[in-house]
Amino acid sequence: MVNHDTTAHKFTIENPEGVSWLEYREDDHSVTVLHTVVPSALSGRGLAGQLADAAYRYTQDRHKEILSECSYMTAWLKRHGQA
């Protein structure tokens, strides 16, 4: 389950093996994804994709532009026809 901490500007997924997270910056017009981190023990489980999807939906729900300084998010946006 993806959790959203609006104060820390992070989406997180907690597992016994560690915490995966996506950090963003937000202003009046856009949300910029800064980093997506998944511990190596959790690699390959689709967690980064879940975080990216949550960030994208959050941005769309607020009618803001999504920007990316994160290589994973940039690739995710391209794969989903958003870049």
PDB file of N, CA and C in Angstrom:
ATOM      1  N   MET A   1       0.833  -1.181   0.000  1.00  0.00           N
ATOM      2  CA  MET A   1       0.000   0.000   0.000  1.00  0.00           C
ATOM      3  C   MET A   1       0.881   1.249   0.000  1.00  0.00           C
ATOM      4  N   VAL A   2       0.538   2.189  -0.864  1.00  0.00           N
ATOM      5  CA  VAL A   2       1.295   3.436  -0.960  1.00  0.00           C
ATOM      6  C   VAL A   2       0.732   4.430   0.055  1.00  0.00           C
ATOM      7  N   ASN A   3       1.618   4.982   0.862  1.00  0.00           N
ATOM      8  CA  ASN A   3       1.263   6.029   1.825  1.00  0.00           C
ATOM      9  C   ASN A   3       1.761   7.364   1.282  1.00  0.00           C
ATOM     10  N   HIS A   4       1.056   8.428   1.638  1.00  0.00           N
ATOM     11  CA  HIS A   4       1.441   9.758   1.164  1.00  0.00           C
ATOM     12  C   HIS A   4       1.591  10.691   2.352  1.00  0.00           C
ATOM     13  N   ASP A   5       2.775  11.238   2.510  1.00  0.00           N
ATOM     14  CA  ASP A   5       3.059  12.219   3.552  1.00  0.00           C
ATOM     15  C   ASP A   5       3.199  13.571   2.867  1.00  0.00           C
ATOM     16  N   THR A   6       2.128  14.360   2.889  1.00  0.00           N
ATOM     17  CA  THR A   6       2.138  15.649   2.184  1.00  0.00           C
ATOM     18  C   THR A   6       3.096  16.639   2.842  1.00  0.00           C
ATOM     19  N   THR A   7       3.320  16.513   4.130  1.00  0.00           N
ATOM     20  CA  THR A   7       4.242  17.416   4.823  1.00  0.00           C
ATOM     21  C   THR A   7       5.677  17.183   4.378  1.00  0.00           C
ATOM     22  N   ALA A   8       6.069  15.916   4.238  1.00  0.00           N
ATOM     23  CA  ALA A   8       7.427  15.569   3.823  1.00  0.00           C
ATOM     24  C   ALA A   8       7.573  15.495   2.309  1.00  0.00           C
ATOM     25  N   HIS A   9       6.467  15.636   1.568  1.00  0.00           N
ATOM     26  CA  HIS A   9       6.463  15.521   0.112  1.00  0.00           C
ATOM     27  C   HIS A   9       7.035  14.181  -0.343  1.00  0.00           C
ATOM     28  N   LYS A  10       6.475  13.090   0.239  1.00  0.00           N
ATOM     29  CA  LYS A  10       6.942  11.746  -0.084  1.00  0.00           C
ATOM     30  C   LYS A  10       5.783  10.765  -0.185  1.00  0.00           C
ATOM     31  N   PHE A  11       5.918   9.859  -1.135  1.00  0.00           N
ATOM     32  CA  PHE A  11       5.084   8.669  -1.198  1.00  0.00           C
ATOM     33  C   PHE A  11       5.968   7.529  -0.723  1.00  0.00           C
ATOM     34  N   THR A  12       5.443   6.645   0.114  1.00  0.00           N
ATOM     35  CA  THR A  12       6.248   5.542   0.635  1.00  0.00           C
ATOM     36  C   THR A  12       5.472   4.227   0.576  1.00  0.00           C
ATOM     37  N   ILE A  13       6.239   3.145   0.505  1.00  0.00           N
ATOM     38  CA  ILE A  13       5.717   1.793   0.659  1.00  0.00           C
ATOM     39  C   ILE A  13       6.628   1.109   1.670  1.00  0.00           C
ATOM     40  N   GLU A  14       6.046   0.656   2.787  1.00  0.00           N
ATOM     41  CA  GLU A  14       6.837   0.013   3.836  1.00  0.00           C
ATOM     42  C   GLU A  14       6.720  -1.499   3.719  1.00  0.00           C
ATOM     43  N   ASN A  15       7.857  -2.165   3.792  1.00  0.00           N
ATOM     44  CA  ASN A  15       7.959  -3.622   3.791  1.00  0.00           C
ATOM     45  C   ASN A  15       8.942  -4.028   4.873  1.00  0.00           C
ATOM     46  N   PRO A  16       8.878  -5.279   5.330  1.00  0.00           N
ATOM     47  CA  PRO A  16       9.861  -5.735   6.324  1.00  0.00           C
ATOM     48  C   PRO A  16      11.305  -5.584   5.830  1.00  0.00           C
ATOM     49  N   GLU A  17      11.507  -5.669   4.505  1.00  0.00           N
ATOM     50  CA  GLU A  17      12.855  -5.567   3.941  1.00  0.00           C
ATOM     51  C   GLU A  17      13.328  -4.127   3.774  1.00  0.00           C
ATOM     52  N   GLY A  18      12.449  -3.158   4.018  1.00  0.00           N
ATOM     53  CA  GLY A  18      12.846  -1.760   3.891  1.00  0.00           C
ATOM     54  C   GLY A  18      11.727  -0.885   3.364  1.00  0.00           C
ATOM     55  N   VAL A  19      12.017   0.397   3.254  1.00  0.00           N
ATOM     56  CA  VAL A  19      11.045   1.390   2.791  1.00  0.00           C
ATOM     57  C   VAL A  19      11.441   1.871   1.403  1.00  0.00           C
ATOM     58  N   SER A  20      10.485   1.841   0.491  1.00  0.00           N
ATOM     59  CA  SER A  20      10.655   2.425  -0.841  1.00  0.00           C
ATOM     60  C   SER A  20       9.990   3.797  -0.799  1.00  0.00           C
ATOM     61  N   TRP A  21      10.553   4.760  -1.531  1.00  0.00           N
ATOM     62  CA  TRP A  21       9.964   6.091  -1.477  1.00  0.00           C
ATOM     63  C   TRP A  21      10.182   6.885  -2.755  1.00  0.00           C
ATOM     64  N   LEU A  22       9.305   7.840  -2.945  1.00  0.00           N
ATOM     65  CA  LEU A  22       9.394   8.802  -4.049  1.00  0.00           C
ATOM     66  C   LEU A  22       9.240  10.178  -3.422  1.00  0.00           C
ATOM     67  N   GLU A  23      10.191  11.043  -3.690  1.00  0.00           N
ATOM     68  CA  GLU A  23      10.189  12.394  -3.139  1.00  0.00           C
ATOM     69  C   GLU A  23       9.874  13.388  -4.243  1.00  0.00           C
ATOM     70  N   TYR A  24       9.093  14.418  -3.909  1.00  0.00           N
ATOM     71  CA  TYR A  24       8.720  15.418  -4.900  1.00  0.00           C
ATOM     72  C   TYR A  24       8.735  16.826  -4.300  1.00  0.00           C
ATOM     73  N   ARG A  25       8.689  17.785  -5.205  1.00  0.00           N
ATOM     74  CA  ARG A  25       8.577  19.206  -4.851  1.00  0.00           C
ATOM     75  C   ARG A  25       7.299  19.700  -5.518  1.00  0.00           C
ATOM     76  N   GLU A  26       6.553  20.547  -4.840  1.00  0.00           N
ATOM     77  CA  GLU A  26       5.283  21.023  -5.391  1.00  0.00           C
ATOM     78  C   GLU A  26       5.182  22.536  -5.290  1.00  0.00           C
ATOM     79  N   ASP A  27       4.624  23.147  -6.337  1.00  0.00           N
ATOM     80  CA  ASP A  27       4.297  24.565  -6.282  1.00  0.00           C
ATOM     81  C   ASP A  27       2.855  24.734  -6.778  1.00  0.00           C
ATOM     82  N   ASP A  28       2.452  25.945  -7.051  1.00  0.00           N
ATOM     83  CA  ASP A  28       1.062  26.203  -7.434  1.00  0.00           C
ATOM     84  C   ASP A  28       0.671  25.567  -8.764  1.00  0.00           C
ATOM     85  N   HIS A  29       1.644  25.319  -9.638  1.00  0.00           N
ATOM     86  CA  HIS A  29       1.340  24.854 -10.996  1.00  0.00           C
ATOM     87  C   HIS A  29       1.849  23.460 -11.324  1.00  0.00           C
ATOM     88  N   SER A  30       2.791  22.948 -10.549  1.00  0.00           N
ATOM     89  CA  SER A  30       3.400  21.671 -10.933  1.00  0.00           C
ATOM     90  C   SER A  30       3.873  20.864  -9.733  1.00  0.00           C
ATOM     91  N   VAL A  31       4.110  19.586 -10.022  1.00  0.00           N
ATOM     92  CA  VAL A  31       4.738  18.654  -9.083  1.00  0.00           C
ATOM     93  C   VAL A  31       5.973  18.116  -9.798  1.00  0.00           C
ATOM     94  N   THR A  32       7.134  18.246  -9.166  1.00  0.00           N
ATOM     95  CA  THR A  32       8.375  17.754  -9.745  1.00  0.00           C
ATOM     96  C   THR A  32       8.874  16.570  -8.936  1.00  0.00           C
ATOM     97  N   VAL A  33       8.984  15.410  -9.580  1.00  0.00           N
ATOM     98  CA  VAL A  33       9.505  14.217  -8.915  1.00  0.00           C
ATOM     99  C   VAL A  33      11.024  14.340  -8.876  1.00  0.00           C
ATOM    100  N   LEU A  34      11.586  14.203  -7.678  1.00  0.00           N
ATOM    101  CA  LEU A  34      13.017  14.386  -7.472  1.00  0.00           C
ATOM    102  C   LEU A  34      13.779  13.066  -7.433  1.00  0.00           C
ATOM    103  N   HIS A  35      13.258  12.083  -6.695  1.00  0.00           N
ATOM    104  CA  HIS A  35      13.957  10.805  -6.507  1.00  0.00           C
ATOM    105  C   HIS A  35      12.937   9.679  -6.325  1.00  0.00           C
ATOM    106  N   THR A  36      13.294   8.523  -6.805  1.00  0.00           N
ATOM    107  CA  THR A  36      12.564   7.295  -6.489  1.00  0.00           C
ATOM    108  C   THR A  36      13.605   6.287  -6.014  1.00  0.00           C
ATOM    109  N   VAL A  37      13.376   5.738  -4.827  1.00  0.00           N
ATOM    110  CA  VAL A  37      14.348   4.824  -4.229  1.00  0.00           C
ATOM    111  C   VAL A  37      13.644   3.540  -3.798  1.00  0.00           C
ATOM    112  N   VAL A  38      14.175   2.410  -4.242  1.00  0.00           N
ATOM    113  CA  VAL A  38      13.701   1.091  -3.821  1.00  0.00           C
ATOM    114  C   VAL A  38      14.924   0.302  -3.356  1.00  0.00           C
ATOM    115  N   PRO A  39      14.908  -0.188  -2.111  1.00  0.00           N
ATOM    116  CA  PRO A  39      16.045  -0.984  -1.636  1.00  0.00           C
ATOM    117  C   PRO A  39      16.277  -2.194  -2.547  1.00  0.00           C
ATOM    118  N   SER A  40      17.528  -2.569  -2.711  1.00  0.00           N
ATOM    119  CA  SER A  40      17.860  -3.675  -3.618  1.00  0.00           C
ATOM    120  C   SER A  40      17.148  -4.970  -3.235  1.00  0.00           C
ATOM    121  N   ALA A  41      16.889  -5.193  -1.959  1.00  0.00           N
ATOM    122  CA  ALA A  41      16.179  -6.403  -1.525  1.00  0.00           C
ATOM    123  C   ALA A  41      14.746  -6.451  -2.051  1.00  0.00           C
ATOM    124  N   LEU A  42      14.225  -5.301  -2.475  1.00  0.00           N
ATOM    125  CA  LEU A  42      12.848  -5.219  -2.961  1.00  0.00           C
ATOM    126  C   LEU A  42      12.765  -4.997  -4.470  1.00  0.00           C
ATOM    127  N   SER A  43      13.896  -4.972  -5.119  1.00  0.00           N
ATOM    128  CA  SER A  43      13.950  -4.728  -6.555  1.00  0.00           C
ATOM    129  C   SER A  43      13.148  -5.775  -7.331  1.00  0.00           C
ATOM    130  N   GLY A  44      12.515  -5.330  -8.399  1.00  0.00           N
ATOM    131  CA  GLY A  44      11.792  -6.240  -9.278  1.00  0.00           C
ATOM    132  C   GLY A  44      10.377  -6.569  -8.848  1.00  0.00           C
ATOM    133  N   ARG A  45       9.877  -5.916  -7.837  1.00  0.00           N
ATOM    134  CA  ARG A  45       8.516  -6.192  -7.339  1.00  0.00           C
ATOM    135  C   ARG A  45       7.488  -5.171  -7.815  1.00  0.00           C
ATOM    136  N   GLY A  46       7.912  -4.225  -8.640  1.00  0.00           N
ATOM    137  CA  GLY A  46       6.976  -3.225  -9.152  1.00  0.00           C
ATOM    138  C   GLY A  46       6.693  -2.076  -8.201  1.00  0.00           C
ATOM    139  N   LEU A  47       7.493  -1.950  -7.163  1.00  0.00           N
ATOM    140  CA  LEU A  47       7.240  -0.904  -6.171  1.00  0.00           C
ATOM    141  C   LEU A  47       7.474   0.497  -6.722  1.00  0.00           C
ATOM    142  N   ALA A  48       8.524   0.669  -7.503  1.00  0.00           N
ATOM    143  CA  ALA A  48       8.797   1.985  -8.091  1.00  0.00           C
ATOM    144  C   ALA A  48       7.631   2.401  -8.991  1.00  0.00           C
ATOM    145  N   GLY A  49       7.078   1.461  -9.727  1.00  0.00           N
ATOM    146  CA  GLY A  49       5.934   1.751 -10.585  1.00  0.00           C
ATOM    147  C   GLY A  49       4.711   2.166  -9.782  1.00  0.00           C
ATOM    148  N   GLN A  50       4.490   1.528  -8.646  1.00  0.00           N
ATOM    149  CA  GLN A  50       3.367   1.902  -7.787  1.00  0.00           C
ATOM    150  C   GLN A  50       3.541   3.321  -7.256  1.00  0.00           C
ATOM    151  N   LEU A  51       4.769   3.660  -6.883  1.00  0.00           N
ATOM    152  CA  LEU A  51       5.052   5.010  -6.400  1.00  0.00           C
ATOM    153  C   LEU A  51       4.863   6.037  -7.505  1.00  0.00           C
ATOM    154  N   ALA A  52       5.361   5.728  -8.699  1.00  0.00           N
ATOM    155  CA  ALA A  52       5.223   6.638  -9.832  1.00  0.00           C
ATOM    156  C   ALA A  52       3.760   6.850 -10.178  1.00  0.00           C
ATOM    157  N   ASP A  53       2.984   5.781 -10.173  1.00  0.00           N
ATOM    158  CA  ASP A  53       1.558   5.882 -10.471  1.00  0.00           C
ATOM    159  C   ASP A  53       0.845   6.746  -9.434  1.00  0.00           C
ATOM    160  N   ALA A  54       1.190   6.582  -8.172  1.00  0.00           N
ATOM    161  CA  ALA A  54       0.580   7.387  -7.115  1.00  0.00           C
ATOM    162  C   ALA A  54       0.913   8.866  -7.289  1.00  0.00           C
ATOM    163  N   ALA A  55       2.156   9.162  -7.626  1.00  0.00           N
ATOM    164  CA  ALA A  55       2.555  10.560  -7.843  1.00  0.00           C
ATOM    165  C   ALA A  55       1.837  11.145  -9.053  1.00  0.00           C
ATOM    166  N   TYR A  56       1.716  10.362 -10.111  1.00  0.00           N
ATOM    167  CA  TYR A  56       1.030  10.831 -11.312  1.00  0.00           C
ATOM    168  C   TYR A  56      -0.445  11.112 -11.008  1.00  0.00           C
ATOM    169  N   ARG A  57      -1.118  10.196 -10.330  1.00  0.00           N
ATOM    170  CA  ARG A  57      -2.536  10.393  -9.993  1.00  0.00           C
ATOM    171  C   ARG A  57      -2.713  11.608  -9.084  1.00  0.00           C
ATOM    172  N   TYR A  58      -1.811  11.789  -8.125  1.00  0.00           N
ATOM    173  CA  TYR A  58      -1.863  12.950  -7.231  1.00  0.00           C
ATOM    174  C   TYR A  58      -1.790  14.246  -8.040  1.00  0.00           C
ATOM    175  N   THR A  59      -0.882  14.275  -8.991  1.00  0.00           N
ATOM    176  CA  THR A  59      -0.706  15.462  -9.836  1.00  0.00           C
ATOM    177  C   THR A  59      -1.948  15.711 -10.686  1.00  0.00           C
ATOM    178  N   GLN A  60      -2.461  14.670 -11.297  1.00  0.00           N
ATOM    179  CA  GLN A  60      -3.640  14.807 -12.151  1.00  0.00           C
ATOM    180  C   GLN A  60      -4.868  15.235 -11.354  1.00  0.00           C
ATOM    181  N   ASP A  61      -5.032  14.698 -10.155  1.00  0.00           N
ATOM    182  CA  ASP A  61      -6.168  15.071  -9.305  1.00  0.00           C
ATOM    183  C   ASP A  61      -6.146  16.555  -8.955  1.00  0.00           C
ATOM    184  N   ARG A  62      -4.977  17.154  -8.959  1.00  0.00           N
ATOM    185  CA  ARG A  62      -4.841  18.577  -8.625  1.00  0.00           C
ATOM    186  C   ARG A  62      -4.712  19.455  -9.860  1.00  0.00           C
ATOM    187  N   HIS A  63      -4.828  18.845 -11.038  1.00  0.00           N
ATOM    188  CA  HIS A  63      -4.758  19.561 -12.316  1.00  0.00           C
ATOM    189  C   HIS A  63      -3.456  20.352 -12.448  1.00  0.00           C
ATOM    190  N   LYS A  64      -2.359  19.681 -12.070  1.00  0.00           N
ATOM    191  CA  LYS A  64      -1.041  20.292 -12.169  1.00  0.00           C
ATOM    192  C   LYS A  64      -0.207  19.542 -13.189  1.00  0.00           C
ATOM    193  N   GLU A  65       0.823  20.206 -13.678  1.00  0.00           N
ATOM    194  CA  GLU A  65       1.774  19.583 -14.591  1.00  0.00           C
ATOM    195  C   GLU A  65       2.722  18.698 -13.791  1.00  0.00           C
ATOM    196  N   ILE A  66       3.083  17.551 -14.342  1.00  0.00           N
ATOM    197  CA  ILE A  66       4.074  16.705 -13.686  1.00  0.00           C
ATOM    198  C   ILE A  66       5.405  16.867 -14.410  1.00  0.00           C
ATOM    199  N   LEU A  67       6.443  17.115 -13.628  1.00  0.00           N
ATOM    200  CA  LEU A  67       7.801  17.277 -14.138  1.00  0.00           C
ATOM    201  C   LEU A  67       8.673  16.233 -13.443  1.00  0.00           C
ATOM    202  N   SER A  68       9.821  15.950 -14.022  1.00  0.00           N
ATOM    203  CA  SER A  68      10.679  14.940 -13.420  1.00  0.00           C
ATOM    204  C   SER A  68      12.145  15.301 -13.495  1.00  0.00           C
ATOM    205  N   GLU A  69      12.810  15.159 -12.348  1.00  0.00           N
ATOM    206  CA  GLU A  69      14.271  15.218 -12.262  1.00  0.00           C
ATOM    207  C   GLU A  69      14.803  13.830 -11.906  1.00  0.00           C
ATOM    208  N   CYS A  70      13.920  12.838 -11.980  1.00  0.00           N
ATOM    209  CA  CYS A  70      14.211  11.462 -11.597  1.00  0.00           C
ATOM    210  C   CYS A  70      14.223  10.580 -12.840  1.00  0.00           C
ATOM    211  N   SER A  71      15.301   9.842 -13.055  1.00  0.00           N
ATOM    212  CA  SER A  71      15.395   9.026 -14.268  1.00  0.00           C
ATOM    213  C   SER A  71      14.302   7.958 -14.329  1.00  0.00           C
ATOM    214  N   TYR A  72      13.947   7.373 -13.183  1.00  0.00           N
ATOM    215  CA  TYR A  72      12.890   6.359 -13.202  1.00  0.00           C
ATOM    216  C   TYR A  72      11.560   6.995 -13.607  1.00  0.00           C
ATOM    217  N   MET A  73      11.216   8.118 -13.000  1.00  0.00           N
ATOM    218  CA  MET A  73       9.936   8.759 -13.301  1.00  0.00           C
ATOM    219  C   MET A  73       9.888   9.218 -14.748  1.00  0.00           C
ATOM    220  N   THR A  74      10.989   9.732 -15.265  1.00  0.00           N
ATOM    221  CA  THR A  74      11.040  10.155 -16.665  1.00  0.00           C
ATOM    222  C   THR A  74      10.739   8.967 -17.579  1.00  0.00           C
ATOM    223  N   ALA A  75      11.358   7.820 -17.303  1.00  0.00           N
ATOM    224  CA  ALA A  75      11.111   6.611 -18.098  1.00  0.00           C
ATOM    225  C   ALA A  75       9.668   6.144 -17.931  1.00  0.00           C
ATOM    226  N   TRP A  76       9.132   6.197 -16.731  1.00  0.00           N
ATOM    227  CA  TRP A  76       7.751   5.788 -16.470  1.00  0.00           C
ATOM    228  C   TRP A  76       6.778   6.651 -17.275  1.00  0.00           C
ATOM    229  N   LEU A  77       7.010   7.944 -17.274  1.00  0.00           N
ATOM    230  CA  LEU A  77       6.138   8.850 -18.025  1.00  0.00           C
ATOM    231  C   LEU A  77       6.185   8.532 -19.521  1.00  0.00           C
ATOM    232  N   LYS A  78       7.364   8.259 -20.049  1.00  0.00           N
ATOM    233  CA  LYS A  78       7.482   7.891 -21.465  1.00  0.00           C
ATOM    234  C   LYS A  78       6.748   6.594 -21.768  1.00  0.00           C
ATOM    235  N   ARG A  79       6.918   5.586 -20.907  1.00  0.00           N
ATOM    236  CA  ARG A  79       6.242   4.292 -21.113  1.00  0.00           C
ATOM    237  C   ARG A  79       4.727   4.431 -21.072  1.00  0.00           C
ATOM    238  N   HIS A  80       4.237   5.394 -20.333  1.00  0.00           N
ATOM    239  CA  HIS A  80       2.795   5.578 -20.179  1.00  0.00           C
ATOM    240  C   HIS A  80       2.265   6.713 -21.053  1.00  0.00           C
ATOM    241  N   GLY A  81       3.057   7.141 -22.019  1.00  0.00           N
ATOM    242  CA  GLY A  81       2.609   8.145 -22.975  1.00  0.00           C
ATOM    243  C   GLY A  81       2.357   9.515 -22.399  1.00  0.00           C
ATOM    244  N   GLN A  82       3.065   9.846 -21.340  1.00  0.00           N
ATOM    245  CA  GLN A  82       2.857  11.131 -20.673  1.00  0.00           C
ATOM    246  C   GLN A  82       4.016  12.104 -20.856  1.00  0.00           C
ATOM    247  N   ALA A  83       5.018  11.704 -21.618  1.00  0.00           N
ATOM    248  CA  ALA A  83       6.179  12.584 -21.799  1.00  0.00           C
ATOM    249  C   ALA A  83       6.406  12.855 -23.277  1.00  0.00           C
TER     250      ALA A  83
END
